[in-house]
Amino acid sequence: MPSWGYSYSAKGEREAMASGRDLRVSFKETVELLRAIRGKKLSEAYQILDDVIALKRAVPFKRFKRGVPHRRELNGWKPGRYPVKAAKLVKKILKSAEHNATNKDLDPDRLYVKHAAAQTGTKLKRIFPRAYGRATPKVEQLVHVEIVLEEREEEE
């Protein structure tokens, strides 16, 4: 069994980490979704993910935007989508990081998403048979997701 590392090295005792490995979800959608929750308070991140799952809030696509339709509710940046499958998996990992934080006696009301990243995993290569004896390659890209939560002092 391989031991996985993090691209972020924890610098303090007020941080909690969680990761998901080899997830069958779109890499591009996961990158854009993690960009939307990075730096937010934990309750705000949950609200964003719940709204995406309920198709109430679109995630702005800033890097992978070719062919992405515009959304009326996005202000300042129009291309966006509703990555529901990615939102469900990221919410699960975020909940795991929150539980890790409570095990370290951190206050869940003061947690922020300090680091959220997605890396490409292995590629599952298959062949899709076609007519007249031809075949088309079918490649599925797996994704690694990691989230780090940090307890901050309340700004007033």
C-alpha atoms as a PDB file:
ATOM      1  CA  MET A   1       0.000   0.000   0.000  1.00  0.00           C
ATOM      2  CA  PRO A   2       1.576   3.308  -1.003  1.00  0.00           C
ATOM      3  CA  SER A   3       1.793   6.122   1.487  1.00  0.00           C
ATOM      4  CA  TRP A   4       0.451   9.384   0.100  1.00  0.00           C
ATOM      5  CA  GLY A   5       1.938  12.722   0.920  1.00  0.00           C
ATOM      6  CA  TYR A   6       0.521  16.212   0.710  1.00  0.00           C
ATOM      7  CA  SER A   7       1.675  19.007  -1.569  1.00  0.00           C
ATOM      8  CA  TYR A   8       1.223  21.278   1.455  1.00  0.00           C
ATOM      9  CA  SER A   9       3.316  20.696   4.560  1.00  0.00           C
ATOM     10  CA  ALA A  10       1.463  21.526   7.780  1.00  0.00           C
ATOM     11  CA  LYS A  11       3.219  24.320   9.614  1.00  0.00           C
ATOM     12  CA  GLY A  12       1.241  24.476  12.847  1.00  0.00           C
ATOM     13  CA  GLU A  13      -0.878  22.631  15.339  1.00  0.00           C
ATOM     14  CA  ARG A  14      -3.922  24.721  14.424  1.00  0.00           C
ATOM     15  CA  GLU A  15      -4.337  22.995  11.058  1.00  0.00           C
ATOM     16  CA  ALA A  16      -6.201  19.871  10.015  1.00  0.00           C
ATOM     17  CA  MET A  17      -5.852  18.029   6.707  1.00  0.00           C
ATOM     18  CA  ALA A  18      -7.850  15.524   4.678  1.00  0.00           C
ATOM     19  CA  SER A  19      -7.469  14.073   1.214  1.00  0.00           C
ATOM     20  CA  GLY A  20      -9.314  11.981  -1.313  1.00  0.00           C
ATOM     21  CA  ARG A  21      -7.297   9.802  -3.672  1.00  0.00           C
ATOM     22  CA  ASP A  22      -8.139   8.341  -7.082  1.00  0.00           C
ATOM     23  CA  LEU A  23     -11.548   9.998  -7.347  1.00  0.00           C
ATOM     24  CA  ARG A  24     -13.583   9.394 -10.500  1.00  0.00           C
ATOM     25  CA  VAL A  25     -14.546  12.992 -11.122  1.00  0.00           C
ATOM     26  CA  SER A  26     -13.644  15.642 -13.675  1.00  0.00           C
ATOM     27  CA  PHE A  27     -10.270  17.232 -12.945  1.00  0.00           C
ATOM     28  CA  LYS A  28     -11.206  20.546 -14.541  1.00  0.00           C
ATOM     29  CA  GLU A  29     -14.441  20.901 -12.600  1.00  0.00           C
ATOM     30  CA  THR A  30     -12.687  19.987  -9.346  1.00  0.00           C
ATOM     31  CA  VAL A  31      -9.975  22.613  -9.885  1.00  0.00           C
ATOM     32  CA  GLU A  32     -12.539  25.360 -10.475  1.00  0.00           C
ATOM     33  CA  LEU A  33     -14.683  24.262  -7.523  1.00  0.00           C
ATOM     34  CA  LEU A  34     -11.725  24.231  -5.134  1.00  0.00           C
ATOM     35  CA  ARG A  35     -10.767  27.710  -6.339  1.00  0.00           C
ATOM     36  CA  ALA A  36     -14.263  28.892  -5.368  1.00  0.00           C
ATOM     37  CA  ILE A  37     -14.001  27.623  -1.761  1.00  0.00           C
ATOM     38  CA  ARG A  38     -10.330  28.395  -1.114  1.00  0.00           C
ATOM     39  CA  GLY A  39      -9.876  31.052   1.574  1.00  0.00           C
ATOM     40  CA  LYS A  40     -13.511  30.927   2.688  1.00  0.00           C
ATOM     41  CA  LYS A  41     -14.825  30.235   6.153  1.00  0.00           C
ATOM     42  CA  LEU A  42     -15.922  26.618   6.685  1.00  0.00           C
ATOM     43  CA  SER A  43     -19.622  27.518   6.919  1.00  0.00           C
ATOM     44  CA  GLU A  44     -19.355  29.584   3.702  1.00  0.00           C
ATOM     45  CA  ALA A  45     -17.641  26.681   1.922  1.00  0.00           C
ATOM     46  CA  TYR A  46     -20.446  24.320   2.960  1.00  0.00           C
ATOM     47  CA  GLN A  47     -23.019  26.860   1.750  1.00  0.00           C
ATOM     48  CA  ILE A  48     -21.302  27.159  -1.646  1.00  0.00           C
ATOM     49  CA  LEU A  49     -21.180  23.376  -2.057  1.00  0.00           C
ATOM     50  CA  ASP A  50     -24.831  22.960  -1.019  1.00  0.00           C
ATOM     51  CA  ASP A  51     -25.905  25.657  -3.477  1.00  0.00           C
ATOM     52  CA  VAL A  52     -23.950  24.003  -6.301  1.00  0.00           C
ATOM     53  CA  ILE A  53     -25.524  20.621  -5.513  1.00  0.00           C
ATOM     54  CA  ALA A  54     -28.986  22.230  -5.521  1.00  0.00           C
ATOM     55  CA  LEU A  55     -28.164  24.028  -8.822  1.00  0.00           C
ATOM     56  CA  LYS A  56     -28.697  27.443  -7.195  1.00  0.00           C
ATOM     57  CA  ARG A  57     -25.158  28.816  -7.623  1.00  0.00           C
ATOM     58  CA  ALA A  58     -22.833  28.378 -10.571  1.00  0.00           C
ATOM     59  CA  VAL A  59     -19.080  28.028 -10.141  1.00  0.00           C
ATOM     60  CA  PRO A  60     -17.122  30.499 -12.275  1.00  0.00           C
ATOM     61  CA  PHE A  61     -14.757  28.744 -14.661  1.00  0.00           C
ATOM     62  CA  LYS A  62     -11.662  30.908 -14.995  1.00  0.00           C
ATOM     63  CA  ARG A  63      -9.017  28.555 -16.356  1.00  0.00           C
ATOM     64  CA  PHE A  64     -10.940  25.823 -18.165  1.00  0.00           C
ATOM     65  CA  LYS A  65     -13.511  28.073 -19.829  1.00  0.00           C
ATOM     66  CA  ARG A  66     -13.442  27.095 -23.494  1.00  0.00           C
ATOM     67  CA  GLY A  67     -16.949  26.228 -24.619  1.00  0.00           C
ATOM     68  CA  VAL A  68     -18.448  26.906 -21.187  1.00  0.00           C
ATOM     69  CA  PRO A  69     -21.774  28.753 -21.344  1.00  0.00           C
ATOM     70  CA  HIS A  70     -22.422  32.024 -19.554  1.00  0.00           C
ATOM     71  CA  ARG A  71     -24.508  32.110 -16.395  1.00  0.00           C
ATOM     72  CA  ARG A  72     -26.783  34.998 -15.536  1.00  0.00           C
ATOM     73  CA  GLU A  73     -26.142  34.893 -11.768  1.00  0.00           C
ATOM     74  CA  LEU A  74     -22.358  35.257 -12.108  1.00  0.00           C
ATOM     75  CA  ASN A  75     -21.211  38.831 -11.699  1.00  0.00           C
ATOM     76  CA  GLY A  76     -17.871  39.945 -13.098  1.00  0.00           C
ATOM     77  CA  TRP A  77     -17.084  36.573 -14.654  1.00  0.00           C
ATOM     78  CA  LYS A  78     -19.686  34.965 -16.887  1.00  0.00           C
ATOM     79  CA  PRO A  79     -18.546  31.422 -17.867  1.00  0.00           C
ATOM     80  CA  GLY A  80     -19.676  28.897 -15.268  1.00  0.00           C
ATOM     81  CA  ARG A  81     -21.115  25.470 -14.561  1.00  0.00           C
ATOM     82  CA  TYR A  82     -22.712  23.404 -11.809  1.00  0.00           C
ATOM     83  CA  PRO A  83     -20.227  20.589 -10.977  1.00  0.00           C
ATOM     84  CA  VAL A  84     -22.597  18.523  -8.805  1.00  0.00           C
ATOM     85  CA  LYS A  85     -20.579  15.299  -8.674  1.00  0.00           C
ATOM     86  CA  ALA A  86     -17.384  17.145  -7.771  1.00  0.00           C
ATOM     87  CA  ALA A  87     -19.250  19.180  -5.136  1.00  0.00           C
ATOM     88  CA  LYS A  88     -20.538  16.032  -3.425  1.00  0.00           C
ATOM     89  CA  LEU A  89     -17.049  14.520  -3.228  1.00  0.00           C
ATOM     90  CA  VAL A  90     -15.402  17.766  -2.080  1.00  0.00           C
ATOM     91  CA  LYS A  91     -18.078  18.147   0.605  1.00  0.00           C
ATOM     92  CA  LYS A  92     -17.263  14.656   1.855  1.00  0.00           C
ATOM     93  CA  ILE A  93     -13.542  15.489   2.063  1.00  0.00           C
ATOM     94  CA  LEU A  94     -14.303  18.829   3.730  1.00  0.00           C
ATOM     95  CA  LYS A  95     -16.405  17.033   6.338  1.00  0.00           C
ATOM     96  CA  SER A  96     -13.512  14.625   6.951  1.00  0.00           C
ATOM     97  CA  ALA A  97     -11.141  17.559   7.462  1.00  0.00           C
ATOM     98  CA  GLU A  98     -13.631  19.121   9.881  1.00  0.00           C
ATOM     99  CA  HIS A  99     -13.771  15.897  11.903  1.00  0.00           C
ATOM    100  CA  ASN A 100      -9.966  15.787  11.949  1.00  0.00           C
ATOM    101  CA  ALA A 101      -9.999  19.363  13.275  1.00  0.00           C
ATOM    102  CA  THR A 102     -12.432  18.528  16.054  1.00  0.00           C
ATOM    103  CA  ASN A 103     -10.212  15.588  17.029  1.00  0.00           C
ATOM    104  CA  LYS A 104      -7.380  18.118  17.416  1.00  0.00           C
ATOM    105  CA  ASP A 105      -9.676  20.255  19.648  1.00  0.00           C
ATOM    106  CA  LEU A 106     -10.025  23.069  17.115  1.00  0.00           C
ATOM    107  CA  ASP A 107     -13.140  25.248  17.107  1.00  0.00           C
ATOM    108  CA  PRO A 108     -15.265  24.509  14.002  1.00  0.00           C
ATOM    109  CA  ASP A 109     -16.685  28.056  14.000  1.00  0.00           C
ATOM    110  CA  ARG A 110     -13.222  29.576  13.446  1.00  0.00           C
ATOM    111  CA  LEU A 111     -12.010  27.230  10.694  1.00  0.00           C
ATOM    112  CA  TYR A 112     -11.028  28.520   7.254  1.00  0.00           C
ATOM    113  CA  VAL A 113     -10.062  26.655   4.099  1.00  0.00           C
ATOM    114  CA  LYS A 114      -6.361  27.473   3.945  1.00  0.00           C
ATOM    115  CA  HIS A 115      -5.334  25.121   1.146  1.00  0.00           C
ATOM    116  CA  ALA A 116      -7.447  23.265  -1.413  1.00  0.00           C
ATOM    117  CA  ALA A 117      -5.764  21.610  -4.376  1.00  0.00           C
ATOM    118  CA  ALA A 118      -6.420  18.967  -7.006  1.00  0.00           C
ATOM    119  CA  GLN A 119      -3.784  16.927  -8.810  1.00  0.00           C
ATOM    120  CA  THR A 120      -4.150  14.526 -11.689  1.00  0.00           C
ATOM    121  CA  GLY A 121      -3.948  10.863 -10.777  1.00  0.00           C
ATOM    122  CA  THR A 122      -3.463   7.809 -12.909  1.00  0.00           C
ATOM    123  CA  LYS A 123      -5.198   7.335 -16.249  1.00  0.00           C
ATOM    124  CA  LEU A 124      -7.487   4.371 -16.809  1.00  0.00           C
ATOM    125  CA  LYS A 125      -7.009   3.360 -20.438  1.00  0.00           C
ATOM    126  CA  ARG A 126      -9.633   1.259 -22.174  1.00  0.00           C
ATOM    127  CA  ILE A 127     -10.801   0.500 -25.701  1.00  0.00           C
ATOM    128  CA  PHE A 128     -14.296   1.259 -26.952  1.00  0.00           C
ATOM    129  CA  PRO A 129     -15.191  -1.042 -29.881  1.00  0.00           C
ATOM    130  CA  ARG A 130     -16.715   0.639 -32.915  1.00  0.00           C
ATOM    131  CA  ALA A 131     -18.236  -0.460 -36.188  1.00  0.00           C
ATOM    132  CA  TYR A 132     -16.252  -2.104 -38.991  1.00  0.00           C
ATOM    133  CA  GLY A 133     -13.665  -3.548 -36.622  1.00  0.00           C
ATOM    134  CA  ARG A 134     -12.332  -0.195 -35.484  1.00  0.00           C
ATOM    135  CA  ALA A 135     -11.743   0.866 -31.891  1.00  0.00           C
ATOM    136  CA  THR A 136     -11.604   4.185 -30.058  1.00  0.00           C
ATOM    137  CA  PRO A 137      -9.471   4.741 -26.954  1.00  0.00           C
ATOM    138  CA  LYS A 138     -11.385   5.661 -23.809  1.00  0.00           C
ATOM    139  CA  VAL A 139      -9.210   7.347 -21.190  1.00  0.00           C
ATOM    140  CA  GLU A 140     -10.475   8.269 -17.716  1.00  0.00           C
ATOM    141  CA  GLN A 141      -8.418  10.681 -15.591  1.00  0.00           C
ATOM    142  CA  LEU A 142      -8.467  10.090 -11.825  1.00  0.00           C
ATOM    143  CA  VAL A 143      -8.082  13.014  -9.408  1.00  0.00           C
ATOM    144  CA  HIS A 144      -6.403  13.530  -6.021  1.00  0.00           C
ATOM    145  CA  VAL A 145      -7.949  16.221  -3.799  1.00  0.00           C
ATOM    146  CA  GLU A 146      -6.446  17.634  -0.623  1.00  0.00           C
ATOM    147  CA  ILE A 147      -7.880  20.200   1.786  1.00  0.00           C
ATOM    148  CA  VAL A 148      -6.230  21.940   4.746  1.00  0.00           C
ATOM    149  CA  LEU A 149      -8.287  23.794   7.351  1.00  0.00           C
ATOM    150  CA  GLU A 150      -6.794  26.403   9.668  1.00  0.00           C
ATOM    151  CA  GLU A 151      -8.167  27.873  12.881  1.00  0.00           C
ATOM    152  CA  ARG A 152      -7.923  31.663  12.822  1.00  0.00           C
ATOM    153  CA  GLU A 153      -8.714  34.315  15.358  1.00  0.00           C
ATOM    154  CA  GLU A 154     -11.930  36.201  14.745  1.00  0.00           C
ATOM    155  CA  GLU A 155     -11.473  39.514  12.953  1.00  0.00           C
ATOM    156  CA  GLU A 156     -13.683  42.255  14.333  1.00  0.00           C
END
